[in-house]
Amino acid sequence: TVTVGKENAGGHDQSVTVAHDQSVSVGNDQTLNVSNDRKKDVGNNQDSKVVGDDTEKVEKSQNITVGKDYTLTVTDSLTIKVGECVLKMNKDGTIMLNGVKIQFKADDSIKGVASTVHFN
């Protein structure tokens, strides 16, 4: 266990190797600033828990590749916005799709089942 109150050190690169487990505990806030690239490799599983809000901002593109299944579970509502288009799903089963122009296309068939269907 290492406890540091305040440390100022000069130098260029730093490499840390831990032979087994590592645990870091911060009593208050933590800020990480990386001036260039950051890379993370996890050899097995990764878990994350945020008790409050979680905000992520990507100023350019974001790509996510999932090797098998992808599940997103939301308690109240999920909204996806792109320009003037909005897709919103609510916990009561309501799905709203709003857009300037909506097209349906299928190579085989489109099937809809409902007690009533209204267009116009």
C-alpha atoms as a PDB file:
ATOM      1  CA  THR A   1       0.000   0.000   0.000  1.00  0.00           C
ATOM      2  CA  VAL A   2       1.319   3.421  -0.980  1.00  0.00           C
ATOM      3  CA  THR A   3      -0.243   6.639   0.298  1.00  0.00           C
ATOM      4  CA  VAL A   4       0.827   9.880  -1.377  1.00  0.00           C
ATOM      5  CA  GLY A   5      -0.213  13.304  -0.059  1.00  0.00           C
ATOM      6  CA  LYS A   6       1.470  15.363  -2.773  1.00  0.00           C
ATOM      7  CA  GLU A   7       4.129  14.360  -5.248  1.00  0.00           C
ATOM      8  CA  ASN A   8       5.919  16.410  -7.913  1.00  0.00           C
ATOM      9  CA  ALA A   9       8.263  14.512 -10.179  1.00  0.00           C
ATOM     10  CA  GLY A  10       9.962  15.338 -13.458  1.00  0.00           C
ATOM     11  CA  GLY A  11      10.790  12.925 -16.203  1.00  0.00           C
ATOM     12  CA  HIS A  12       9.570  11.649 -19.528  1.00  0.00           C
ATOM     13  CA  ASP A  13       7.970   8.182 -19.645  1.00  0.00           C
ATOM     14  CA  GLN A  14       6.608   5.971 -16.886  1.00  0.00           C
ATOM     15  CA  SER A  15       5.968   2.254 -16.972  1.00  0.00           C
ATOM     16  CA  VAL A  16       4.380   0.364 -14.078  1.00  0.00           C
ATOM     17  CA  THR A  17       4.226  -3.426 -13.916  1.00  0.00           C
ATOM     18  CA  VAL A  18       2.192  -5.145 -11.203  1.00  0.00           C
ATOM     19  CA  ALA A  19       2.810  -8.889 -10.839  1.00  0.00           C
ATOM     20  CA  HIS A  20      -0.707  -9.706  -9.605  1.00  0.00           C
ATOM     21  CA  ASP A  21      -3.693  -7.563  -8.561  1.00  0.00           C
ATOM     22  CA  GLN A  22      -3.873  -3.767  -8.268  1.00  0.00           C
ATOM     23  CA  SER A  23      -6.472  -1.711  -6.445  1.00  0.00           C
ATOM     24  CA  VAL A  24      -6.733   2.086  -6.437  1.00  0.00           C
ATOM     25  CA  SER A  25      -8.972   3.950  -4.004  1.00  0.00           C
ATOM     26  CA  VAL A  26      -9.644   7.697  -4.280  1.00  0.00           C
ATOM     27  CA  GLY A  27     -11.355   9.411  -1.352  1.00  0.00           C
ATOM     28  CA  ASN A  28     -12.890  12.222  -3.415  1.00  0.00           C
ATOM     29  CA  ASP A  29     -12.740  13.230  -7.114  1.00  0.00           C
ATOM     30  CA  GLN A  30     -10.413  11.846  -9.786  1.00  0.00           C
ATOM     31  CA  THR A  31      -9.536  13.475 -13.107  1.00  0.00           C
ATOM     32  CA  LEU A  32      -7.560  11.866 -15.923  1.00  0.00           C
ATOM     33  CA  ASN A  33      -6.208  14.030 -18.753  1.00  0.00           C
ATOM     34  CA  VAL A  34      -4.437  12.380 -21.688  1.00  0.00           C
ATOM     35  CA  SER A  35      -2.974  14.829 -24.223  1.00  0.00           C
ATOM     36  CA  ASN A  36      -2.714  12.273 -27.027  1.00  0.00           C
ATOM     37  CA  ASP A  37      -4.121   8.751 -27.554  1.00  0.00           C
ATOM     38  CA  ARG A  38      -5.343   6.328 -24.883  1.00  0.00           C
ATOM     39  CA  LYS A  39      -5.620   2.574 -25.356  1.00  0.00           C
ATOM     40  CA  LYS A  40      -7.147  -0.016 -23.035  1.00  0.00           C
ATOM     41  CA  ASP A  41      -6.898  -3.804 -23.414  1.00  0.00           C
ATOM     42  CA  VAL A  42      -8.787  -6.092 -21.034  1.00  0.00           C
ATOM     43  CA  GLY A  43      -7.891  -9.786 -21.230  1.00  0.00           C
ATOM     44  CA  ASN A  44     -11.165 -11.042 -19.763  1.00  0.00           C
ATOM     45  CA  ASN A  45     -14.316  -9.273 -18.485  1.00  0.00           C
ATOM     46  CA  GLN A  46     -14.911  -5.608 -17.634  1.00  0.00           C
ATOM     47  CA  ASP A  47     -17.570  -4.302 -15.252  1.00  0.00           C
ATOM     48  CA  SER A  48     -18.532  -0.690 -14.616  1.00  0.00           C
ATOM     49  CA  LYS A  49     -21.035   0.791 -12.145  1.00  0.00           C
ATOM     50  CA  VAL A  50     -22.057   4.449 -11.894  1.00  0.00           C
ATOM     51  CA  VAL A  51     -24.430   5.390  -9.059  1.00  0.00           C
ATOM     52  CA  GLY A  52     -25.305   8.823 -10.517  1.00  0.00           C
ATOM     53  CA  ASP A  53     -25.416  10.037 -14.125  1.00  0.00           C
ATOM     54  CA  ASP A  54     -22.945   8.926 -16.818  1.00  0.00           C
ATOM     55  CA  THR A  55     -22.173  11.274 -19.714  1.00  0.00           C
ATOM     56  CA  GLU A  56     -19.941  10.505 -22.669  1.00  0.00           C
ATOM     57  CA  LYS A  57     -19.158  12.964 -25.469  1.00  0.00           C
ATOM     58  CA  VAL A  58     -17.451  11.897 -28.696  1.00  0.00           C
ATOM     59  CA  GLU A  59     -16.684  14.880 -30.928  1.00  0.00           C
ATOM     60  CA  LYS A  60     -16.071  12.839 -34.089  1.00  0.00           C
ATOM     61  CA  SER A  61     -17.127   9.252 -34.884  1.00  0.00           C
ATOM     62  CA  GLN A  62     -17.693   6.306 -32.556  1.00  0.00           C
ATOM     63  CA  ASN A  63     -17.599   2.695 -33.693  1.00  0.00           C
ATOM     64  CA  ILE A  64     -18.688  -0.262 -31.570  1.00  0.00           C
ATOM     65  CA  THR A  65     -18.090  -3.844 -32.677  1.00  0.00           C
ATOM     66  CA  VAL A  66     -19.704  -6.677 -30.708  1.00  0.00           C
ATOM     67  CA  GLY A  67     -18.636 -10.251 -31.443  1.00  0.00           C
ATOM     68  CA  LYS A  68     -21.898 -11.897 -30.357  1.00  0.00           C
ATOM     69  CA  ASP A  69     -25.018 -10.440 -28.727  1.00  0.00           C
ATOM     70  CA  TYR A  70     -25.661  -6.835 -27.641  1.00  0.00           C
ATOM     71  CA  THR A  71     -28.344  -6.082 -25.064  1.00  0.00           C
ATOM     72  CA  LEU A  72     -29.335  -2.612 -23.897  1.00  0.00           C
ATOM     73  CA  THR A  73     -31.799  -2.496 -21.001  1.00  0.00           C
ATOM     74  CA  VAL A  74     -33.450   0.836 -20.164  1.00  0.00           C
ATOM     75  CA  THR A  75     -36.004   1.299 -17.355  1.00  0.00           C
ATOM     76  CA  ASP A  76     -38.117   4.244 -18.596  1.00  0.00           C
ATOM     77  CA  SER A  77     -37.445   5.317 -22.200  1.00  0.00           C
ATOM     78  CA  LEU A  78     -34.878   5.130 -24.993  1.00  0.00           C
ATOM     79  CA  THR A  79     -34.538   7.977 -27.508  1.00  0.00           C
ATOM     80  CA  ILE A  80     -32.358   7.962 -30.625  1.00  0.00           C
ATOM     81  CA  LYS A  81     -32.027  11.286 -32.475  1.00  0.00           C
ATOM     82  CA  VAL A  82     -30.358  11.927 -35.821  1.00  0.00           C
ATOM     83  CA  GLY A  83     -30.994  15.381 -37.278  1.00  0.00           C
ATOM     84  CA  GLU A  84     -34.778  15.724 -37.681  1.00  0.00           C
ATOM     85  CA  CYS A  85     -35.428  12.003 -37.036  1.00  0.00           C
ATOM     86  CA  VAL A  86     -36.459  10.632 -33.636  1.00  0.00           C
ATOM     87  CA  LEU A  87     -37.096   7.060 -32.502  1.00  0.00           C
ATOM     88  CA  LYS A  88     -38.465   6.805 -28.959  1.00  0.00           C
ATOM     89  CA  MET A  89     -39.471   3.689 -27.041  1.00  0.00           C
ATOM     90  CA  ASN A  90     -41.308   3.995 -23.716  1.00  0.00           C
ATOM     91  CA  LYS A  91     -41.730   1.444 -20.931  1.00  0.00           C
ATOM     92  CA  ASP A  92     -45.515   1.322 -21.576  1.00  0.00           C
ATOM     93  CA  GLY A  93     -44.833  -0.306 -24.977  1.00  0.00           C
ATOM     94  CA  THR A  94     -45.294   2.863 -27.049  1.00  0.00           C
ATOM     95  CA  ILE A  95     -42.857   3.242 -29.943  1.00  0.00           C
ATOM     96  CA  MET A  96     -42.760   6.620 -31.697  1.00  0.00           C
ATOM     97  CA  LEU A  97     -40.971   7.121 -35.007  1.00  0.00           C
ATOM     98  CA  ASN A  98     -40.840  10.699 -36.303  1.00  0.00           C
ATOM     99  CA  GLY A  99     -39.123  11.850 -39.468  1.00  0.00           C
ATOM    100  CA  VAL A 100     -39.481  14.018 -42.541  1.00  0.00           C
ATOM    101  CA  LYS A 101     -39.715  10.930 -44.787  1.00  0.00           C
ATOM    102  CA  ILE A 102     -40.132   7.329 -43.584  1.00  0.00           C
ATOM    103  CA  GLN A 103     -39.543   4.415 -45.961  1.00  0.00           C
ATOM    104  CA  PHE A 104     -40.131   0.696 -45.428  1.00  0.00           C
ATOM    105  CA  LYS A 105     -38.172  -1.784 -47.540  1.00  0.00           C
ATOM    106  CA  ALA A 106     -37.818  -5.535 -47.263  1.00  0.00           C
ATOM    107  CA  ASP A 107     -36.295  -8.103 -49.604  1.00  0.00           C
ATOM    108  CA  ASP A 108     -38.940 -10.666 -48.571  1.00  0.00           C
ATOM    109  CA  SER A 109     -42.003  -9.241 -46.818  1.00  0.00           C
ATOM    110  CA  ILE A 110     -43.307  -6.725 -44.303  1.00  0.00           C
ATOM    111  CA  LYS A 111     -45.856  -8.059 -41.841  1.00  0.00           C
ATOM    112  CA  GLY A 112     -47.891  -5.975 -39.443  1.00  0.00           C
ATOM    113  CA  VAL A 113     -50.293  -7.291 -36.838  1.00  0.00           C
ATOM    114  CA  ALA A 114     -52.530  -4.936 -34.848  1.00  0.00           C
ATOM    115  CA  SER A 115     -56.173  -4.556 -33.854  1.00  0.00           C
ATOM    116  CA  THR A 116     -56.308  -1.367 -35.984  1.00  0.00           C
ATOM    117  CA  VAL A 117     -53.933   0.206 -38.473  1.00  0.00           C
ATOM    118  CA  HIS A 118     -54.248   3.890 -39.414  1.00  0.00           C
ATOM    119  CA  PHE A 119     -52.400   5.585 -42.272  1.00  0.00           C
ATOM    120  CA  ASN A 120     -53.412   9.241 -42.829  1.00  0.00           C
END
